[in-house]
PDB file of N, CA and C in Angstrom:
ATOM      1  N   UNK A   1      13.941  24.051  -5.640  1.00  0.00           N
ATOM      2  CA  UNK A   1      13.359  22.486  -4.940  1.00  0.00           C
ATOM      3  C   UNK A   1      14.381  21.741  -6.376  1.00  0.00           C
ATOM      4  N   UNK A   2      15.132  21.204  -5.456  1.00  0.00           N
ATOM      5  CA  UNK A   2      15.679  19.695  -5.988  1.00  0.00           C
ATOM      6  C   UNK A   2      14.797  18.633  -5.979  1.00  0.00           C
ATOM      7  N   UNK A   3      15.337  18.055  -7.051  1.00  0.00           N
ATOM      8  CA  UNK A   3      15.146  16.789  -7.714  1.00  0.00           C
ATOM      9  C   UNK A   3      15.709  15.918  -8.060  1.00  0.00           C
ATOM     10  N   UNK A   4      15.121  15.024  -8.076  1.00  0.00           N
ATOM     11  CA  UNK A   4      15.932  13.027  -8.439  1.00  0.00           C
ATOM     12  C   UNK A   4      15.466  13.254  -9.380  1.00  0.00           C
ATOM     13  N   UNK A   5      16.056  13.320 -10.911  1.00  0.00           N
ATOM     14  CA  UNK A   5      15.645  12.726 -12.223  1.00  0.00           C
ATOM     15  C   UNK A   5      15.363  11.012 -12.503  1.00  0.00           C
ATOM     16  N   UNK A   6      14.967  11.141 -12.772  1.00  0.00           N
ATOM     17  CA  UNK A   6      15.069   9.077 -12.590  1.00  0.00           C
ATOM     18  C   UNK A   6      14.192   8.717 -14.514  1.00  0.00           C
ATOM     19  N   UNK A   7      14.671   7.948 -14.744  1.00  0.00           N
ATOM     20  CA  UNK A   7      14.306   7.029 -15.974  1.00  0.00           C
ATOM     21  C   UNK A   7      13.806   6.301 -15.526  1.00  0.00           C
ATOM     22  N   UNK A   8      11.992   5.911 -16.479  1.00  0.00           N
ATOM     23  CA  UNK A   8      12.139   4.075 -15.897  1.00  0.00           C
ATOM     24  C   UNK A   8      11.537   3.479 -17.056  1.00  0.00           C
ATOM     25  N   UNK A   9      10.975   2.641 -17.079  1.00  0.00           N
ATOM     26  CA  UNK A   9      10.714   1.893 -17.753  1.00  0.00           C
ATOM     27  C   UNK A   9       9.222   0.324 -17.357  1.00  0.00           C
ATOM     28  N   UNK A  10       8.429   0.919 -18.136  1.00  0.00           N
ATOM     29  CA  UNK A  10       6.872  -0.189 -17.726  1.00  0.00           C
ATOM     30  C   UNK A  10       6.077  -1.090 -18.900  1.00  0.00           C
ATOM     31  N   UNK A  11       5.533  -1.832 -19.273  1.00  0.00           N
ATOM     32  CA  UNK A  11       5.166  -2.344 -19.645  1.00  0.00           C
ATOM     33  C   UNK A  11       4.262  -1.356 -20.617  1.00  0.00           C
ATOM     34  N   UNK A  12       3.602  -1.350 -22.109  1.00  0.00           N
ATOM     35  CA  UNK A  12       2.819  -0.370 -22.086  1.00  0.00           C
ATOM     36  C   UNK A  12       1.031   0.176 -21.603  1.00  0.00           C
ATOM     37  N   UNK A  13       0.820  -1.034 -21.101  1.00  0.00           N
ATOM     38  CA  UNK A  13      -0.817  -0.957 -20.803  1.00  0.00           C
ATOM     39  C   UNK A  13      -0.278  -0.557 -19.540  1.00  0.00           C
ATOM     40  N   UNK A  14       0.638  -0.195 -18.392  1.00  0.00           N
ATOM     41  CA  UNK A  14       0.834  -0.316 -17.262  1.00  0.00           C
ATOM     42  C   UNK A  14       1.218   1.550 -17.352  1.00  0.00           C
ATOM     43  N   UNK A  15       1.651   1.762 -18.202  1.00  0.00           N
ATOM     44  CA  UNK A  15       2.041   3.295 -19.163  1.00  0.00           C
ATOM     45  C   UNK A  15       1.417   4.207 -18.721  1.00  0.00           C
ATOM     46  N   UNK A  16      -0.101   3.462 -19.761  1.00  0.00           N
ATOM     47  CA  UNK A  16      -0.988   4.249 -20.338  1.00  0.00           C
ATOM     48  C   UNK A  16      -2.203   4.069 -19.020  1.00  0.00           C
ATOM     49  N   UNK A  17      -2.121   2.988 -18.185  1.00  0.00           N
ATOM     50  CA  UNK A  17      -2.712   3.447 -17.334  1.00  0.00           C
ATOM     51  C   UNK A  17      -2.250   4.889 -15.826  1.00  0.00           C
ATOM     52  N   UNK A  18      -0.874   4.378 -15.900  1.00  0.00           N
ATOM     53  CA  UNK A  18      -1.102   5.851 -15.458  1.00  0.00           C
ATOM     54  C   UNK A  18      -0.771   7.170 -15.558  1.00  0.00           C
ATOM     55  N   UNK A  19      -0.907   7.180 -17.354  1.00  0.00           N
ATOM     56  CA  UNK A  19      -1.109   8.459 -17.413  1.00  0.00           C
ATOM     57  C   UNK A  19      -2.590   9.204 -17.428  1.00  0.00           C
ATOM     58  N   UNK A  20      -3.440   7.729 -17.092  1.00  0.00           N
ATOM     59  CA  UNK A  20      -4.405   8.151 -17.355  1.00  0.00           C
ATOM     60  C   UNK A  20      -4.810   8.701 -15.114  1.00  0.00           C
ATOM     61  N   UNK A  21      -4.596   7.926 -14.996  1.00  0.00           N
ATOM     62  CA  UNK A  21      -4.444   8.143 -13.530  1.00  0.00           C
ATOM     63  C   UNK A  21      -4.142   9.299 -12.915  1.00  0.00           C
ATOM     64  N   UNK A  22      -2.686  10.061 -13.833  1.00  0.00           N
ATOM     65  CA  UNK A  22      -2.973  10.700 -13.232  1.00  0.00           C
ATOM     66  C   UNK A  22      -3.400  12.280 -13.710  1.00  0.00           C
ATOM     67  N   UNK A  23      -3.877  11.943 -14.721  1.00  0.00           N
ATOM     68  CA  UNK A  23      -4.950  12.571 -15.288  1.00  0.00           C
ATOM     69  C   UNK A  23      -6.548  13.182 -14.520  1.00  0.00           C
ATOM     70  N   UNK A  24      -6.661  11.868 -14.014  1.00  0.00           N
ATOM     71  CA  UNK A  24      -8.052  11.796 -13.680  1.00  0.00           C
ATOM     72  C   UNK A  24      -7.822  13.160 -12.168  1.00  0.00           C
ATOM     73  N   UNK A  25      -6.487  12.445 -11.566  1.00  0.00           N
ATOM     74  CA  UNK A  25      -6.069  12.980 -10.467  1.00  0.00           C
ATOM     75  C   UNK A  25      -5.469  14.886 -10.750  1.00  0.00           C
ATOM     76  N   UNK A  26      -5.685  15.329 -11.496  1.00  0.00           N
ATOM     77  CA  UNK A  26      -4.953  16.752 -12.737  1.00  0.00           C
ATOM     78  C   UNK A  26      -3.437  16.715 -11.918  1.00  0.00           C
ATOM     79  N   UNK A  27      -2.718  15.595 -12.035  1.00  0.00           N
ATOM     80  CA  UNK A  27      -1.369  15.978 -11.676  1.00  0.00           C
ATOM     81  C   UNK A  27      -0.849  15.438 -12.600  1.00  0.00           C
ATOM     82  N   UNK A  28       0.832  15.581 -12.718  1.00  0.00           N
ATOM     83  CA  UNK A  28       2.007  15.271 -13.686  1.00  0.00           C
ATOM     84  C   UNK A  28       2.202  14.262 -13.448  1.00  0.00           C
ATOM     85  N   UNK A  29       2.662  13.537 -14.561  1.00  0.00           N
ATOM     86  CA  UNK A  29       2.778  11.534 -14.303  1.00  0.00           C
ATOM     87  C   UNK A  29       3.852  11.731 -13.410  1.00  0.00           C
ATOM     88  N   UNK A  30       4.892  12.674 -13.534  1.00  0.00           N
ATOM     89  CA  UNK A  30       5.830  12.467 -12.244  1.00  0.00           C
ATOM     90  C   UNK A  30       5.278  12.821 -11.326  1.00  0.00           C
ATOM     91  N   UNK A  31       4.206  13.770 -10.994  1.00  0.00           N
ATOM     92  CA  UNK A  31       4.273  14.213  -9.760  1.00  0.00           C
ATOM     93  C   UNK A  31       2.856  12.299  -9.137  1.00  0.00           C
ATOM     94  N   UNK A  32       2.428  11.999  -9.906  1.00  0.00           N
ATOM     95  CA  UNK A  32       1.406  11.175  -9.505  1.00  0.00           C
ATOM     96  C   UNK A  32       2.657   9.634  -9.251  1.00  0.00           C
ATOM     97  N   UNK A  33       3.832   8.607  -9.902  1.00  0.00           N
ATOM     98  CA  UNK A  33       4.298   8.073  -9.384  1.00  0.00           C
ATOM     99  C   UNK A  33       5.328   8.769  -8.368  1.00  0.00           C
ATOM    100  N   UNK A  34       5.695   9.737  -8.228  1.00  0.00           N
ATOM    101  CA  UNK A  34       6.180   9.916  -7.217  1.00  0.00           C
ATOM    102  C   UNK A  34       5.184   9.918  -5.878  1.00  0.00           C
ATOM    103  N   UNK A  35       3.585  10.355  -6.116  1.00  0.00           N
ATOM    104  CA  UNK A  35       3.760   9.776  -4.658  1.00  0.00           C
ATOM    105  C   UNK A  35       2.740   8.231  -4.925  1.00  0.00           C
ATOM    106  N   UNK A  36       3.101   7.935  -5.599  1.00  0.00           N
ATOM    107  CA  UNK A  36       2.152   6.505  -5.296  1.00  0.00           C
ATOM    108  C   UNK A  36       3.573   5.195  -5.108  1.00  0.00           C
ATOM    109  N   UNK A  37       4.745   5.973  -5.176  1.00  0.00           N
ATOM    110  CA  UNK A  37       6.309   5.119  -4.621  1.00  0.00           C
ATOM    111  C   UNK A  37       5.889   5.642  -3.144  1.00  0.00           C
ATOM    112  N   UNK A  38       5.852   7.029  -2.728  1.00  0.00           N
ATOM    113  CA  UNK A  38       5.552   7.047  -1.478  1.00  0.00           C
ATOM    114  C   UNK A  38       4.827   6.458  -0.526  1.00  0.00           C
ATOM    115  N   UNK A  39       3.348   7.019  -1.255  1.00  0.00           N
ATOM    116  CA  UNK A  39       2.454   5.809  -0.641  1.00  0.00           C
ATOM    117  C   UNK A  39       3.459   4.008  -0.268  1.00  0.00           C
ATOM    118  N   UNK A  40       3.605   3.296  -1.575  1.00  0.00           N
ATOM    119  CA  UNK A  40       4.685   1.560  -1.506  1.00  0.00           C
ATOM    120  C   UNK A  40       5.714   2.120  -0.405  1.00  0.00           C
ATOM    121  N   UNK A  41       5.793   2.904  -0.339  1.00  0.00           N
ATOM    122  CA  UNK A  41       7.386   2.725   1.331  1.00  0.00           C
ATOM    123  C   UNK A  41       6.282   2.939   1.917  1.00  0.00           C
ATOM    124  N   UNK A  42       6.247   3.922   2.841  1.00  0.00           N
ATOM    125  CA  UNK A  42       4.522   4.229   3.757  1.00  0.00           C
ATOM    126  C   UNK A  42       3.922   2.860   3.747  1.00  0.00           C
ATOM    127  N   UNK A  43       3.620   1.727   2.742  1.00  0.00           N
ATOM    128  CA  UNK A  43       3.156   0.925   3.450  1.00  0.00           C
ATOM    129  C   UNK A  43       4.031  -0.638   4.110  1.00  0.00           C
ATOM    130  N   UNK A  44       4.972  -0.602   2.478  1.00  0.00           N
ATOM    131  CA  UNK A  44       5.785  -1.039   3.369  1.00  0.00           C
ATOM    132  C   UNK A  44       6.337  -1.553   4.501  1.00  0.00           C
ATOM    133  N   UNK A  45       6.669  -0.225   4.823  1.00  0.00           N
ATOM    134  CA  UNK A  45       7.403   1.074   6.584  1.00  0.00           C
ATOM    135  C   UNK A  45       5.984  -0.239   7.498  1.00  0.00           C
ATOM    136  N   UNK A  46       5.243   0.237   7.432  1.00  0.00           N
ATOM    137  CA  UNK A  46       3.376  -0.499   7.770  1.00  0.00           C
ATOM    138  C   UNK A  46       3.836  -1.602   8.038  1.00  0.00           C
ATOM    139  N   UNK A  47       4.117  -2.246   6.753  1.00  0.00           N
ATOM    140  CA  UNK A  47       3.687  -3.967   6.693  1.00  0.00           C
ATOM    141  C   UNK A  47       5.070  -4.526   8.106  1.00  0.00           C
ATOM    142  N   UNK A  48       6.229  -3.891   7.883  1.00  0.00           N
ATOM    143  CA  UNK A  48       7.142  -4.231   8.404  1.00  0.00           C
ATOM    144  C   UNK A  48       7.336  -4.134   9.887  1.00  0.00           C
ATOM    145  N   UNK A  49       6.544  -2.625  10.138  1.00  0.00           N
ATOM    146  CA  UNK A  49       6.065  -2.292  11.761  1.00  0.00           C
ATOM    147  C   UNK A  49       5.509  -3.127  12.551  1.00  0.00           C
ATOM    148  N   UNK A  50       4.288  -3.874  11.388  1.00  0.00           N
ATOM    149  CA  UNK A  50       3.351  -4.908  12.038  1.00  0.00           C
ATOM    150  C   UNK A  50       3.728  -6.090  11.964  1.00  0.00           C
ATOM    151  N   UNK A  51       4.411  -6.565  10.919  1.00  0.00           N
ATOM    152  CA  UNK A  51       5.965  -7.798  11.246  1.00  0.00           C
ATOM    153  C   UNK A  51       6.398  -8.314  12.752  1.00  0.00           C
ATOM    154  N   UNK A  52       6.424  -6.666  12.806  1.00  0.00           N
ATOM    155  CA  UNK A  52       7.710  -6.943  14.022  1.00  0.00           C
ATOM    156  C   UNK A  52       7.481  -6.809  15.416  1.00  0.00           C
ATOM    157  N   UNK A  53       5.831  -6.650  15.384  1.00  0.00           N
ATOM    158  CA  UNK A  53       4.675  -6.019  16.781  1.00  0.00           C
ATOM    159  C   UNK A  53       4.686  -7.438  16.568  1.00  0.00           C
ATOM    160  N   UNK A  54       3.731  -8.014  15.401  1.00  0.00           N
ATOM    161  CA  UNK A  54       3.567  -9.007  15.994  1.00  0.00           C
ATOM    162  C   UNK A  54       4.056 -10.927  16.432  1.00  0.00           C
ATOM    163  N   UNK A  55       5.302 -10.608  15.625  1.00  0.00           N
ATOM    164  CA  UNK A  55       6.494 -11.616  16.035  1.00  0.00           C
ATOM    165  C   UNK A  55       7.235 -11.072  17.924  1.00  0.00           C
ATOM    166  N   UNK A  56       6.637  -9.514  18.911  1.00  0.00           N
ATOM    167  CA  UNK A  56       7.045  -9.686  19.638  1.00  0.00           C
ATOM    168  C   UNK A  56       5.925 -10.098  20.418  1.00  0.00           C
ATOM    169  N   UNK A  57       4.892  -9.614  19.952  1.00  0.00           N
ATOM    170  CA  UNK A  57       3.487  -9.545  20.856  1.00  0.00           C
ATOM    171  C   UNK A  57       2.580 -10.862  20.872  1.00  0.00           C
ATOM    172  N   UNK A  58       2.830 -11.559  19.255  1.00  0.00           N
ATOM    173  CA  UNK A  58       1.916 -12.643  19.275  1.00  0.00           C
ATOM    174  C   UNK A  58       0.860 -11.700  17.636  1.00  0.00           C
ATOM    175  N   UNK A  59       0.359 -12.977  17.350  1.00  0.00           N
ATOM    176  CA  UNK A  59      -0.508 -12.327  16.098  1.00  0.00           C
ATOM    177  C   UNK A  59      -2.073 -11.710  16.608  1.00  0.00           C
ATOM    178  N   UNK A  60      -2.609 -11.246  15.682  1.00  0.00           N
ATOM    179  CA  UNK A  60      -3.585  -9.881  15.788  1.00  0.00           C
ATOM    180  C   UNK A  60      -4.893 -11.103  15.542  1.00  0.00           C
ATOM    181  N   UNK A  61      -5.471 -10.864  16.433  1.00  0.00           N
ATOM    182  CA  UNK A  61      -6.984 -12.278  17.447  1.00  0.00           C
ATOM    183  C   UNK A  61      -7.526 -11.238  16.075  1.00  0.00           C
ATOM    184  N   UNK A  62      -8.360 -12.410  15.584  1.00  0.00           N
ATOM    185  CA  UNK A  62      -9.543 -12.301  14.291  1.00  0.00           C
ATOM    186  C   UNK A  62     -10.801 -11.191  15.250  1.00  0.00           C
ATOM    187  N   UNK A  63     -10.699 -10.263  16.143  1.00  0.00           N
ATOM    188  CA  UNK A  63     -11.676 -10.108  17.102  1.00  0.00           C
ATOM    189  C   UNK A  63     -10.882  -8.516  16.973  1.00  0.00           C
ATOM    190  N   UNK A  64      -9.040  -8.162  16.826  1.00  0.00           N
ATOM    191  CA  UNK A  64      -8.560  -7.182  16.735  1.00  0.00           C
ATOM    192  C   UNK A  64      -8.461  -6.772  15.498  1.00  0.00           C
ATOM    193  N   UNK A  65      -8.525  -7.546  14.345  1.00  0.00           N
ATOM    194  CA  UNK A  65      -8.492  -7.015  12.888  1.00  0.00           C
ATOM    195  C   UNK A  65      -9.661  -6.710  12.471  1.00  0.00           C
ATOM    196  N   UNK A  66     -11.405  -7.556  13.146  1.00  0.00           N
ATOM    197  CA  UNK A  66     -12.206  -7.086  12.855  1.00  0.00           C
ATOM    198  C   UNK A  66     -12.292  -5.659  13.411  1.00  0.00           C
ATOM    199  N   UNK A  67     -12.295  -4.754  14.441  1.00  0.00           N
ATOM    200  CA  UNK A  67     -12.083  -3.873  15.170  1.00  0.00           C
ATOM    201  C   UNK A  67     -11.805  -2.303  14.329  1.00  0.00           C
ATOM    202  N   UNK A  68     -10.067  -3.567  13.725  1.00  0.00           N
ATOM    203  CA  UNK A  68      -9.302  -2.488  12.924  1.00  0.00           C
ATOM    204  C   UNK A  68     -10.239  -1.992  11.435  1.00  0.00           C
ATOM    205  N   UNK A  69     -10.522  -3.036  10.709  1.00  0.00           N
ATOM    206  CA  UNK A  69     -11.290  -3.005   9.582  1.00  0.00           C
ATOM    207  C   UNK A  69     -12.585  -1.756  10.158  1.00  0.00           C
ATOM    208  N   UNK A  70     -13.011  -2.032  11.190  1.00  0.00           N
ATOM    209  CA  UNK A  70     -14.780  -0.809  11.383  1.00  0.00           C
ATOM    210  C   UNK A  70     -13.839   0.218  11.824  1.00  0.00           C
ATOM    211  N   UNK A  71     -12.943   0.403  12.238  1.00  0.00           N
ATOM    212  CA  UNK A  71     -12.501   1.132  12.774  1.00  0.00           C
ATOM    213  C   UNK A  71     -11.730   2.072  11.441  1.00  0.00           C
ATOM    214  N   UNK A  72     -11.364   1.699  10.368  1.00  0.00           N
ATOM    215  CA  UNK A  72     -10.999   2.802   9.412  1.00  0.00           C
ATOM    216  C   UNK A  72     -11.794   2.470   7.939  1.00  0.00           C
ATOM    217  N   UNK A  73     -13.122   2.052   8.349  1.00  0.00           N
ATOM    218  CA  UNK A  73     -13.884   2.136   7.195  1.00  0.00           C
ATOM    219  C   UNK A  73     -14.126   1.017   6.664  1.00  0.00           C
ATOM    220  N   UNK A  74     -13.423  -0.387   6.348  1.00  0.00           N
ATOM    221  CA  UNK A  74     -13.148  -0.814   5.526  1.00  0.00           C
ATOM    222  C   UNK A  74     -13.695  -1.958   5.729  1.00  0.00           C
ATOM    223  N   UNK A  75     -14.149  -2.932   4.737  1.00  0.00           N
ATOM    224  CA  UNK A  75     -15.082  -4.311   4.871  1.00  0.00           C
ATOM    225  C   UNK A  75     -13.571  -5.274   5.406  1.00  0.00           C
ATOM    226  N   UNK A  76     -14.439  -5.922   6.453  1.00  0.00           N
ATOM    227  CA  UNK A  76     -13.768  -6.836   7.177  1.00  0.00           C
ATOM    228  C   UNK A  76     -13.756  -8.177   5.978  1.00  0.00           C
ATOM    229  N   UNK A  77     -12.654  -8.835   5.795  1.00  0.00           N
ATOM    230  CA  UNK A  77     -11.549  -9.085   5.278  1.00  0.00           C
ATOM    231  C   UNK A  77     -12.242 -11.360   5.506  1.00  0.00           C
ATOM    232  N   UNK A  78     -12.481 -11.885   5.028  1.00  0.00           N
ATOM    233  CA  UNK A  78     -11.967 -13.611   5.009  1.00  0.00           C
ATOM    234  C   UNK A  78     -11.045 -13.810   5.799  1.00  0.00           C
ATOM    235  N   UNK A  79     -10.952 -14.448   5.955  1.00  0.00           N
ATOM    236  CA  UNK A  79      -8.856 -14.892   6.825  1.00  0.00           C
ATOM    237  C   UNK A  79      -8.893 -16.084   5.468  1.00  0.00           C
ATOM    238  N   UNK A  80      -7.621 -16.108   5.515  1.00  0.00           N
ATOM    239  CA  UNK A  80      -6.632 -16.758   4.885  1.00  0.00           C
ATOM    240  C   UNK A  80      -6.324 -17.840   4.468  1.00  0.00           C
ATOM    241  N   UNK A  81      -5.521 -19.327   4.182  1.00  0.00           N
ATOM    242  CA  UNK A  81      -4.882 -19.616   4.647  1.00  0.00           C
ATOM    243  C   UNK A  81      -4.115 -19.563   5.170  1.00  0.00           C
ATOM    244  N   UNK A  82      -3.109 -18.467   4.831  1.00  0.00           N
ATOM    245  CA  UNK A  82      -1.872 -18.317   5.428  1.00  0.00           C
ATOM    246  C   UNK A  82      -2.438 -17.712   6.697  1.00  0.00           C
ATOM    247  N   UNK A  83      -3.478 -16.833   7.256  1.00  0.00           N
ATOM    248  CA  UNK A  83      -3.983 -16.242   8.535  1.00  0.00           C
ATOM    249  C   UNK A  83      -4.314 -17.287   9.243  1.00  0.00           C
ATOM    250  N   UNK A  84      -4.968 -18.063   8.467  1.00  0.00           N
ATOM    251  CA  UNK A  84      -5.347 -19.296   9.406  1.00  0.00           C
ATOM    252  C   UNK A  84      -4.095 -20.557   9.647  1.00  0.00           C
ATOM    253  N   UNK A  85      -3.148 -20.847   9.080  1.00  0.00           N
ATOM    254  CA  UNK A  85      -1.751 -21.286   9.887  1.00  0.00           C
ATOM    255  C   UNK A  85      -1.920 -20.493  11.723  1.00  0.00           C
ATOM    256  N   UNK A  86      -2.144 -19.286  11.733  1.00  0.00           N
ATOM    257  CA  UNK A  86      -0.960 -18.870  12.884  1.00  0.00           C
ATOM    258  C   UNK A  86      -0.832 -19.148  13.801  1.00  0.00           C
TER     259      UNK A  86
END
């Protein structure tokens, strides 16, 4: 397996939290950070896709957001000041 070795630095408390999280997940710190990085990249791509959709089709309605939350099993969120400005 080909790997890309990286050296990273972070605040000590964050490093300790990453080690604990990796241990709880039964993973190496490297594998845990790689998975977290992949998650972040997917989330960023999804955010860009949703922004593009809203730019082309208009903002999601409160009903659409509530339905999505229900479908995903997430708690409904109160509107933020930013979402109220749309």
